[in-house]
Amino acid sequence: YADSVRGRFTISRDNAKNTVYLQMNSLKSEDTAVYYCNA
């Protein structure tokens, strides 16, 4: 995790579904951005 999101965001993946998730909690205005998935 990036230091700025550690403790607030959680990444997980379901290999059977080939899907990755990002749970974002306690969002701040500085989290505003375009989010891109990378594989």
All heavy atoms as atom14 arrays in JSON, in Angstrom:
{
  "sequence": "YADSVRGRFTISRDNAKNTVYLQMNSLKSEDTAVYYCNA",
  "atom14_mask": [
    [1, 1, 1, 1, 1, 1, 1, 1, 1, 1, 1, 1, 0, 0],
    [1, 1, 1, 1, 1, 0, 0, 0, 0, 0, 0, 0, 0, 0],
    [1, 1, 1, 1, 1, 1, 1, 1, 0, 0, 0, 0, 0, 0],
    [1, 1, 1, 1, 1, 1, 0, 0, 0, 0, 0, 0, 0, 0],
    [1, 1, 1, 1, 1, 1, 1, 0, 0, 0, 0, 0, 0, 0],
    [1, 1, 1, 1, 1, 1, 1, 1, 1, 1, 1, 0, 0, 0],
    [1, 1, 1, 1, 0, 0, 0, 0, 0, 0, 0, 0, 0, 0],
    [1, 1, 1, 1, 1, 1, 1, 1, 1, 1, 1, 0, 0, 0],
    [1, 1, 1, 1, 1, 1, 1, 1, 1, 1, 1, 0, 0, 0],
    [1, 1, 1, 1, 1, 1, 1, 0, 0, 0, 0, 0, 0, 0],
    [1, 1, 1, 1, 1, 1, 1, 1, 0, 0, 0, 0, 0, 0],
    [1, 1, 1, 1, 1, 1, 0, 0, 0, 0, 0, 0, 0, 0],
    [1, 1, 1, 1, 1, 1, 1, 1, 1, 1, 1, 0, 0, 0],
    [1, 1, 1, 1, 1, 1, 1, 1, 0, 0, 0, 0, 0, 0],
    [1, 1, 1, 1, 1, 1, 1, 1, 0, 0, 0, 0, 0, 0],
    [1, 1, 1, 1, 1, 0, 0, 0, 0, 0, 0, 0, 0, 0],
    [1, 1, 1, 1, 1, 1, 1, 1, 1, 0, 0, 0, 0, 0],
    [1, 1, 1, 1, 1, 1, 1, 1, 0, 0, 0, 0, 0, 0],
    [1, 1, 1, 1, 1, 1, 1, 0, 0, 0, 0, 0, 0, 0],
    [1, 1, 1, 1, 1, 1, 1, 0, 0, 0, 0, 0, 0, 0],
    [1, 1, 1, 1, 1, 1, 1, 1, 1, 1, 1, 1, 0, 0],
    [1, 1, 1, 1, 1, 1, 1, 1, 0, 0, 0, 0, 0, 0],
    [1, 1, 1, 1, 1, 1, 1, 1, 1, 0, 0, 0, 0, 0],
    [1, 1, 1, 1, 1, 1, 1, 1, 0, 0, 0, 0, 0, 0],
    [1, 1, 1, 1, 1, 1, 1, 1, 0, 0, 0, 0, 0, 0],
    [1, 1, 1, 1, 1, 1, 0, 0, 0, 0, 0, 0, 0, 0],
    [1, 1, 1, 1, 1, 1, 1, 1, 0, 0, 0, 0, 0, 0],
    [1, 1, 1, 1, 1, 1, 1, 1, 1, 0, 0, 0, 0, 0],
    [1, 1, 1, 1, 1, 1, 0, 0, 0, 0, 0, 0, 0, 0],
    [1, 1, 1, 1, 1, 1, 1, 1, 1, 0, 0, 0, 0, 0],
    [1, 1, 1, 1, 1, 1, 1, 1, 0, 0, 0, 0, 0, 0],
    [1, 1, 1, 1, 1, 1, 1, 0, 0, 0, 0, 0, 0, 0],
    [1, 1, 1, 1, 1, 0, 0, 0, 0, 0, 0, 0, 0, 0],
    [1, 1, 1, 1, 1, 1, 1, 0, 0, 0, 0, 0, 0, 0],
    [1, 1, 1, 1, 1, 1, 1, 1, 1, 1, 1, 1, 0, 0],
    [1, 1, 1, 1, 1, 1, 1, 1, 1, 1, 1, 1, 0, 0],
    [1, 1, 1, 1, 1, 1, 0, 0, 0, 0, 0, 0, 0, 0],
    [1, 1, 1, 1, 1, 1, 1, 1, 0, 0, 0, 0, 0, 0],
    [1, 1, 1, 1, 1, 0, 0, 0, 0, 0, 0, 0, 0, 0]
  ],
  "atom14_positions": [
    [[0.83, -1.2, 0.0], [0.0, 0.0, 0.0], [0.86, 1.25, 0.0], [1.95, 1.28, 0.58], [-0.89, 0.05, 1.24], [-1.93, -1.04, 1.33], [-1.69, -2.2, 2.06], [-3.16, -0.9, 0.68], [-2.64, -3.2, 2.14], [-4.11, -1.89, 0.76], [-3.86, -3.04, 1.49], [-4.81, -4.02, 1.56], [0.0, 0.0, 0.0], [0.0, 0.0, 0.0]],
    [[0.34, 2.3, -0.62], [0.94, 3.61, -0.46], [0.73, 4.07, 0.97], [-0.31, 3.77, 1.59], [0.32, 4.6, -1.43], [0.0, 0.0, 0.0], [0.0, 0.0, 0.0], [0.0, 0.0, 0.0], [0.0, 0.0, 0.0], [0.0, 0.0, 0.0], [0.0, 0.0, 0.0], [0.0, 0.0, 0.0], [0.0, 0.0, 0.0], [0.0, 0.0, 0.0]],
    [[1.67, 4.83, 1.49], [1.57, 5.3, 2.87], [0.3, 6.12, 3.08], [-0.32, 6.08, 4.16], [2.79, 6.15, 3.23], [4.06, 5.33, 3.38], [3.95, 4.09, 3.53], [5.16, 5.92, 3.33], [0.0, 0.0, 0.0], [0.0, 0.0, 0.0], [0.0, 0.0, 0.0], [0.0, 0.0, 0.0], [0.0, 0.0, 0.0], [0.0, 0.0, 0.0]],
    [[-0.11, 6.84, 2.06], [-1.25, 7.75, 2.19], [-2.58, 7.03, 2.34], [-3.57, 7.64, 2.77], [-1.31, 8.68, 0.98], [-1.44, 7.93, -0.22], [0.0, 0.0, 0.0], [0.0, 0.0, 0.0], [0.0, 0.0, 0.0], [0.0, 0.0, 0.0], [0.0, 0.0, 0.0], [0.0, 0.0, 0.0], [0.0, 0.0, 0.0], [0.0, 0.0, 0.0]],
    [[-2.63, 5.75, 2.0], [-3.9, 5.02, 2.08], [-3.86, 3.86, 3.06], [-4.91, 3.24, 3.34], [-4.33, 4.5, 0.69], [-4.36, 5.63, -0.32], [-3.44, 3.36, 0.22], [0.0, 0.0, 0.0], [0.0, 0.0, 0.0], [0.0, 0.0, 0.0], [0.0, 0.0, 0.0], [0.0, 0.0, 0.0], [0.0, 0.0, 0.0], [0.0, 0.0, 0.0]],
    [[-2.68, 3.54, 3.56], [-2.57, 2.39, 4.46], [-3.46, 2.59, 5.68], [-3.46, 3.66, 6.3], [-1.12, 2.19, 4.89], [-0.89, 0.89, 5.66], [0.59, 0.66, 5.94], [1.33, 0.32, 4.71], [2.23, 1.13, 4.15], [2.5, 2.3, 4.7], [2.85, 0.76, 3.05], [0.0, 0.0, 0.0], [0.0, 0.0, 0.0], [0.0, 0.0, 0.0]],
    [[-4.22, 1.56, 6.0], [-5.15, 1.64, 7.14], [-6.54, 2.09, 6.74], [-7.48, 1.94, 7.52], [0.0, 0.0, 0.0], [0.0, 0.0, 0.0], [0.0, 0.0, 0.0], [0.0, 0.0, 0.0], [0.0, 0.0, 0.0], [0.0, 0.0, 0.0], [0.0, 0.0, 0.0], [0.0, 0.0, 0.0], [0.0, 0.0, 0.0], [0.0, 0.0, 0.0]],
    [[-6.68, 2.66, 5.55], [-7.99, 3.12, 5.07], [-8.48, 2.29, 3.89], [-9.68, 2.07, 3.74], [-7.92, 4.59, 4.66], [-7.53, 5.53, 5.78], [-7.66, 6.99, 5.35], [-6.77, 7.34, 4.26], [-7.18, 7.81, 3.08], [-8.48, 7.99, 2.85], [-6.3, 8.12, 2.14], [0.0, 0.0, 0.0], [0.0, 0.0, 0.0], [0.0, 0.0, 0.0]],
    [[-7.56, 1.87, 3.03], [-7.91, 1.11, 1.83], [-7.48, -0.35, 2.01], [-6.47, -0.64, 2.65], [-7.19, 1.67, 0.6], [-7.65, 3.03, 0.16], [-8.51, 3.81, 0.93], [-7.21, 3.53, -1.06], [-8.92, 5.07, 0.51], [-7.61, 4.78, -1.49], [-8.46, 5.54, -0.7], [0.0, 0.0, 0.0], [0.0, 0.0, 0.0], [0.0, 0.0, 0.0]],
    [[-8.23, -1.24, 1.39], [-7.91, -2.66, 1.4], [-8.03, -3.23, 0.0], [-9.08, -3.08, -0.63], [-8.83, -3.44, 2.35], [-8.73, -2.91, 3.68], [-8.43, -4.92, 2.38], [0.0, 0.0, 0.0], [0.0, 0.0, 0.0], [0.0, 0.0, 0.0], [0.0, 0.0, 0.0], [0.0, 0.0, 0.0], [0.0, 0.0, 0.0], [0.0, 0.0, 0.0]],
    [[-6.96, -3.85, -0.47], [-6.99, -4.5, -1.78], [-7.19, -5.99, -1.59], [-6.65, -6.59, -0.64], [-5.71, -4.21, -2.58], [-5.86, -4.68, -4.03], [-4.47, -4.81, -1.92], [-4.74, -4.22, -4.94], [0.0, 0.0, 0.0], [0.0, 0.0, 0.0], [0.0, 0.0, 0.0], [0.0, 0.0, 0.0], [0.0, 0.0, 0.0], [0.0, 0.0, 0.0]],
    [[-7.98, -6.59, -2.46], [-8.2, -8.03, -2.41], [-8.42, -8.52, -3.83], [-8.64, -7.72, -4.74], [-9.4, -8.36, -1.52], [-10.59, -7.76, -2.03], [0.0, 0.0, 0.0], [0.0, 0.0, 0.0], [0.0, 0.0, 0.0], [0.0, 0.0, 0.0], [0.0, 0.0, 0.0], [0.0, 0.0, 0.0], [0.0, 0.0, 0.0], [0.0, 0.0, 0.0]],
    [[-8.34, -9.82, -4.01], [-8.57, -10.37, -5.33], [-9.24, -11.72, -5.23], [-9.05, -12.45, -4.24], [-7.27, -10.47, -6.14], [-6.24, -11.44, -5.63], [-4.92, -11.28, -6.38], [-4.95, -11.87, -7.71], [-3.93, -11.76, -8.57], [-2.85, -11.05, -8.27], [-4.01, -12.35, -9.76], [0.0, 0.0, 0.0], [0.0, 0.0, 0.0], [0.0, 0.0, 0.0]],
    [[-10.01, -12.03, -6.24], [-10.66, -13.33, -6.37], [-10.06, -13.97, -7.61], [-10.42, -13.61, -8.74], [-12.18, -13.15, -6.51], [-12.92, -14.46, -6.52], [-12.35, -15.47, -6.97], [-14.09, -14.47, -6.12], [0.0, 0.0, 0.0], [0.0, 0.0, 0.0], [0.0, 0.0, 0.0], [0.0, 0.0, 0.0], [0.0, 0.0, 0.0], [0.0, 0.0, 0.0]],
    [[-9.13, -14.88, -7.4], [-8.44, -15.47, -8.55], [-9.38, -16.29, -9.43], [-9.18, -16.37, -10.64], [-7.28, -16.34, -8.06], [-6.15, -15.52, -7.47], [-5.92, -14.38, -7.88], [-5.43, -16.08, -6.51], [0.0, 0.0, 0.0], [0.0, 0.0, 0.0], [0.0, 0.0, 0.0], [0.0, 0.0, 0.0], [0.0, 0.0, 0.0], [0.0, 0.0, 0.0]],
    [[-10.39, -16.86, -8.84], [-11.35, -17.66, -9.62], [-12.13, -16.77, -10.59], [-12.53, -17.22, -11.67], [-12.3, -18.4, -8.69], [0.0, 0.0, 0.0], [0.0, 0.0, 0.0], [0.0, 0.0, 0.0], [0.0, 0.0, 0.0], [0.0, 0.0, 0.0], [0.0, 0.0, 0.0], [0.0, 0.0, 0.0], [0.0, 0.0, 0.0], [0.0, 0.0, 0.0]],
    [[-12.34, -15.53, -10.19], [-13.08, -14.59, -11.03], [-12.18, -13.62, -11.78], [-12.66, -12.75, -12.49], [-14.07, -13.79, -10.17], [-15.15, -14.63, -9.53], [-16.11, -13.75, -8.72], [-17.23, -14.57, -8.1], [-18.16, -13.74, -7.31], [0.0, 0.0, 0.0], [0.0, 0.0, 0.0], [0.0, 0.0, 0.0], [0.0, 0.0, 0.0], [0.0, 0.0, 0.0]],
    [[-10.87, -13.74, -11.57], [-9.92, -12.81, -12.19], [-10.3, -11.37, -11.93], [-10.29, -10.52, -12.84], [-9.81, -13.07, -13.7], [-9.18, -14.41, -14.0], [-8.22, -14.81, -13.35], [-9.73, -15.11, -14.97], [0.0, 0.0, 0.0], [0.0, 0.0, 0.0], [0.0, 0.0, 0.0], [0.0, 0.0, 0.0], [0.0, 0.0, 0.0], [0.0, 0.0, 0.0]],
    [[-10.64, -11.1, -10.69], [-11.12, -9.78, -10.3], [-10.34, -9.27, -9.1], [-10.05, -10.03, -8.18], [-12.62, -9.83, -9.98], [-13.33, -10.27, -11.14], [-13.14, -8.45, -9.57], [0.0, 0.0, 0.0], [0.0, 0.0, 0.0], [0.0, 0.0, 0.0], [0.0, 0.0, 0.0], [0.0, 0.0, 0.0], [0.0, 0.0, 0.0], [0.0, 0.0, 0.0]],
    [[-10.01, -7.99, -9.15], [-9.35, -7.34, -8.02], [-10.27, -6.23, -7.52], [-10.97, -5.6, -8.3], [-7.96, -6.8, -8.42], [-8.07, -5.7, -9.47], [-7.2, -6.3, -7.2], [0.0, 0.0, 0.0], [0.0, 0.0, 0.0], [0.0, 0.0, 0.0], [0.0, 0.0, 0.0], [0.0, 0.0, 0.0], [0.0, 0.0, 0.0], [0.0, 0.0, 0.0]],
    [[-10.26, -6.04, -6.22], [-11.12, -5.06, -5.58], [-10.29, -4.07, -4.78], [-9.19, -4.38, -4.32], [-12.1, -5.75, -4.62], [-12.91, -6.85, -5.25], [-12.49, -8.18, -5.16], [-14.09, -6.57, -5.94], [-13.22, -9.2, -5.74], [-14.83, -7.58, -6.51], [-14.4, -8.89, -6.41], [-15.13, -9.9, -6.99], [0.0, 0.0, 0.0], [0.0, 0.0, 0.0]],
    [[-10.84, -2.88, -4.61], [-10.24, -1.89, -3.72], [-11.34, -1.3, -2.86], [-12.19, -0.56, -3.35], [-9.53, -0.79, -4.51], [-8.75, 0.22, -3.65], [-7.55, -0.46, -3.01], [-8.3, 1.42, -4.49], [0.0, 0.0, 0.0], [0.0, 0.0, 0.0], [0.0, 0.0, 0.0], [0.0, 0.0, 0.0], [0.0, 0.0, 0.0], [0.0, 0.0, 0.0]],
    [[-11.34, -1.68, -1.59], [-12.28, -1.11, -0.62], [-11.66, 0.14, -0.05], [-10.58, 0.09, 0.54], [-12.57, -2.12, 0.48], [-13.52, -1.6, 1.55], [-14.92, -1.34, 1.04], [-15.46, -2.14, 0.3], [-15.49, -0.2, 1.43], [0.0, 0.0, 0.0], [0.0, 0.0, 0.0], [0.0, 0.0, 0.0], [0.0, 0.0, 0.0], [0.0, 0.0, 0.0]],
    [[-12.34, 1.26, -0.24], [-11.82, 2.55, 0.21], [-12.73, 3.11, 1.29], [-13.91, 3.39, 1.03], [-11.75, 3.52, -0.98], [-10.94, 2.99, -2.14], [-10.72, 4.18, -3.48], [-12.4, 4.33, -4.05], [0.0, 0.0, 0.0], [0.0, 0.0, 0.0], [0.0, 0.0, 0.0], [0.0, 0.0, 0.0], [0.0, 0.0, 0.0], [0.0, 0.0, 0.0]],
    [[-12.19, 3.25, 2.48], [-12.93, 3.78, 3.62], [-12.31, 5.1, 4.07], [-11.18, 5.42, 3.73], [-12.92, 2.77, 4.77], [-13.59, 1.47, 4.43], [-14.53, 1.42, 3.63], [-13.11, 0.39, 5.02], [0.0, 0.0, 0.0], [0.0, 0.0, 0.0], [0.0, 0.0, 0.0], [0.0, 0.0, 0.0], [0.0, 0.0, 0.0], [0.0, 0.0, 0.0]],
    [[-13.06, 5.83, 4.84], [-12.58, 7.12, 5.4], [-11.98, 7.99, 4.31], [-10.87, 8.53, 4.44], [-11.54, 6.86, 6.5], [-12.08, 6.06, 7.54], [0.0, 0.0, 0.0], [0.0, 0.0, 0.0], [0.0, 0.0, 0.0], [0.0, 0.0, 0.0], [0.0, 0.0, 0.0], [0.0, 0.0, 0.0], [0.0, 0.0, 0.0], [0.0, 0.0, 0.0]],
    [[-12.7, 8.12, 3.23], [-12.18, 8.85, 2.07], [-11.99, 10.32, 2.4], [-12.75, 10.92, 3.16], [-13.13, 8.69, 0.89], [-13.0, 7.33, 0.18], [-14.24, 7.03, -0.64], [-11.75, 7.32, -0.7], [0.0, 0.0, 0.0], [0.0, 0.0, 0.0], [0.0, 0.0, 0.0], [0.0, 0.0, 0.0], [0.0, 0.0, 0.0], [0.0, 0.0, 0.0]],
    [[-10.93, 10.87, 1.8], [-10.57, 12.26, 1.97], [-10.62, 12.97, 0.62], [-10.54, 12.33, -0.43], [-9.16, 12.37, 2.55], [-8.94, 11.61, 3.84], [-7.48, 11.68, 4.27], [-7.23, 10.9, 5.55], [-5.8, 10.97, 5.96], [0.0, 0.0, 0.0], [0.0, 0.0, 0.0], [0.0, 0.0, 0.0], [0.0, 0.0, 0.0], [0.0, 0.0, 0.0]],
    [[-10.69, 14.29, 0.65], [-10.74, 15.04, -0.6], [-9.49, 14.78, -1.45], [-9.57, 14.77, -2.68], [-10.89, 16.54, -0.32], [-9.83, 17.0, 0.51], [0.0, 0.0, 0.0], [0.0, 0.0, 0.0], [0.0, 0.0, 0.0], [0.0, 0.0, 0.0], [0.0, 0.0, 0.0], [0.0, 0.0, 0.0], [0.0, 0.0, 0.0], [0.0, 0.0, 0.0]],
    [[-8.37, 14.54, -0.78], [-7.13, 14.28, -1.53], [-7.11, 12.91, -2.21], [-6.18, 12.6, -2.94], [-5.9, 14.44, -0.64], [-5.97, 13.68, 0.67], [-6.42, 14.55, 1.82], [-7.39, 15.33, 1.66], [-5.8, 14.46, 2.91], [0.0, 0.0, 0.0], [0.0, 0.0, 0.0], [0.0, 0.0, 0.0], [0.0, 0.0, 0.0], [0.0, 0.0, 0.0]],
    [[-8.11, 12.09, -1.96], [-8.23, 10.81, -2.67], [-8.9, 11.0, -4.03], [-8.98, 10.03, -4.82], [-9.04, 9.81, -1.85], [-8.35, 9.42, -0.56], [-7.12, 9.2, -0.58], [-9.05, 9.33, 0.48], [0.0, 0.0, 0.0], [0.0, 0.0, 0.0], [0.0, 0.0, 0.0], [0.0, 0.0, 0.0], [0.0, 0.0, 0.0], [0.0, 0.0, 0.0]],
    [[-9.4, 12.2, -4.32], [-10.04, 12.46, -5.6], [-9.05, 12.27, -6.74], [-7.96, 12.86, -6.74], [-10.59, 13.9, -5.63], [-11.64, 14.01, -4.67], [-11.13, 14.24, -7.01], [0.0, 0.0, 0.0], [0.0, 0.0, 0.0], [0.0, 0.0, 0.0], [0.0, 0.0, 0.0], [0.0, 0.0, 0.0], [0.0, 0.0, 0.0], [0.0, 0.0, 0.0]],
    [[-9.41, 11.42, -7.68], [-8.52, 11.09, -8.8], [-9.24, 10.12, -9.74], [-10.31, 9.61, -9.4], [-7.22, 10.44, -8.3], [0.0, 0.0, 0.0], [0.0, 0.0, 0.0], [0.0, 0.0, 0.0], [0.0, 0.0, 0.0], [0.0, 0.0, 0.0], [0.0, 0.0, 0.0], [0.0, 0.0, 0.0], [0.0, 0.0, 0.0], [0.0, 0.0, 0.0]],
    [[-8.61, 9.88, -10.88], [-9.02, 8.77, -11.72], [-8.22, 7.55, -11.26], [-6.99, 7.6, -11.17], [-8.76, 9.05, -13.21], [-9.16, 7.84, -14.05], [-9.54, 10.28, -13.65], [0.0, 0.0, 0.0], [0.0, 0.0, 0.0], [0.0, 0.0, 0.0], [0.0, 0.0, 0.0], [0.0, 0.0, 0.0], [0.0, 0.0, 0.0], [0.0, 0.0, 0.0]],
    [[-8.92, 6.48, -10.98], [-8.29, 5.26, -10.49], [-8.19, 4.26, -11.64], [-9.19, 3.98, -12.33], [-9.09, 4.68, -9.34], [-8.87, 5.42, -8.04], [-9.36, 6.72, -7.88], [-8.15, 4.87, -6.99], [-9.14, 7.44, -6.72], [-7.92, 5.58, -5.82], [-8.41, 6.86, -5.69], [-8.19, 7.56, -4.53], [0.0, 0.0, 0.0], [0.0, 0.0, 0.0]],
    [[-7.0, 3.71, -11.81], [-6.73, 2.78, -12.9], [-6.34, 1.41, -12.34], [-5.52, 1.32, -11.43], [-5.58, 3.28, -13.77], [-5.85, 4.57, -14.5], [-5.54, 5.79, -13.93], [-6.43, 4.55, -15.76], [-5.78, 6.97, -14.59], [-6.68, 5.74, -16.45], [-6.35, 6.94, -15.85], [-6.6, 8.12, -16.51], [0.0, 0.0, 0.0], [0.0, 0.0, 0.0]],
    [[-6.9, 0.4, -12.94], [-6.52, -0.97, -12.62], [-5.32, -1.35, -13.49], [-5.23, -0.96, -14.65], [-7.7, -1.89, -12.9], [-7.38, -3.64, -12.62], [0.0, 0.0, 0.0], [0.0, 0.0, 0.0], [0.0, 0.0, 0.0], [0.0, 0.0, 0.0], [0.0, 0.0, 0.0], [0.0, 0.0, 0.0], [0.0, 0.0, 0.0], [0.0, 0.0, 0.0]],
    [[-4.42, -2.11, -12.9], [-3.24, -2.58, -13.62], [-3.07, -4.06, -13.37], [-3.29, -4.54, -12.26], [-2.0, -1.82, -13.15], [-0.73, -2.33, -13.78], [-0.06, -3.2, -13.23], [-0.39, -1.79, -14.93], [0.0, 0.0, 0.0], [0.0, 0.0, 0.0], [0.0, 0.0, 0.0], [0.0, 0.0, 0.0], [0.0, 0.0, 0.0], [0.0, 0.0, 0.0]],
    [[-2.66, -4.78, -14.39], [-2.4, -6.21, -14.24], [-1.14, -6.56, -15.01], [-0.87, -6.0, -16.07], [-3.58, -7.03, -14.76], [0.0, 0.0, 0.0], [0.0, 0.0, 0.0], [0.0, 0.0, 0.0], [0.0, 0.0, 0.0], [0.0, 0.0, 0.0], [0.0, 0.0, 0.0], [0.0, 0.0, 0.0], [0.0, 0.0, 0.0], [0.0, 0.0, 0.0]]
  ]
}
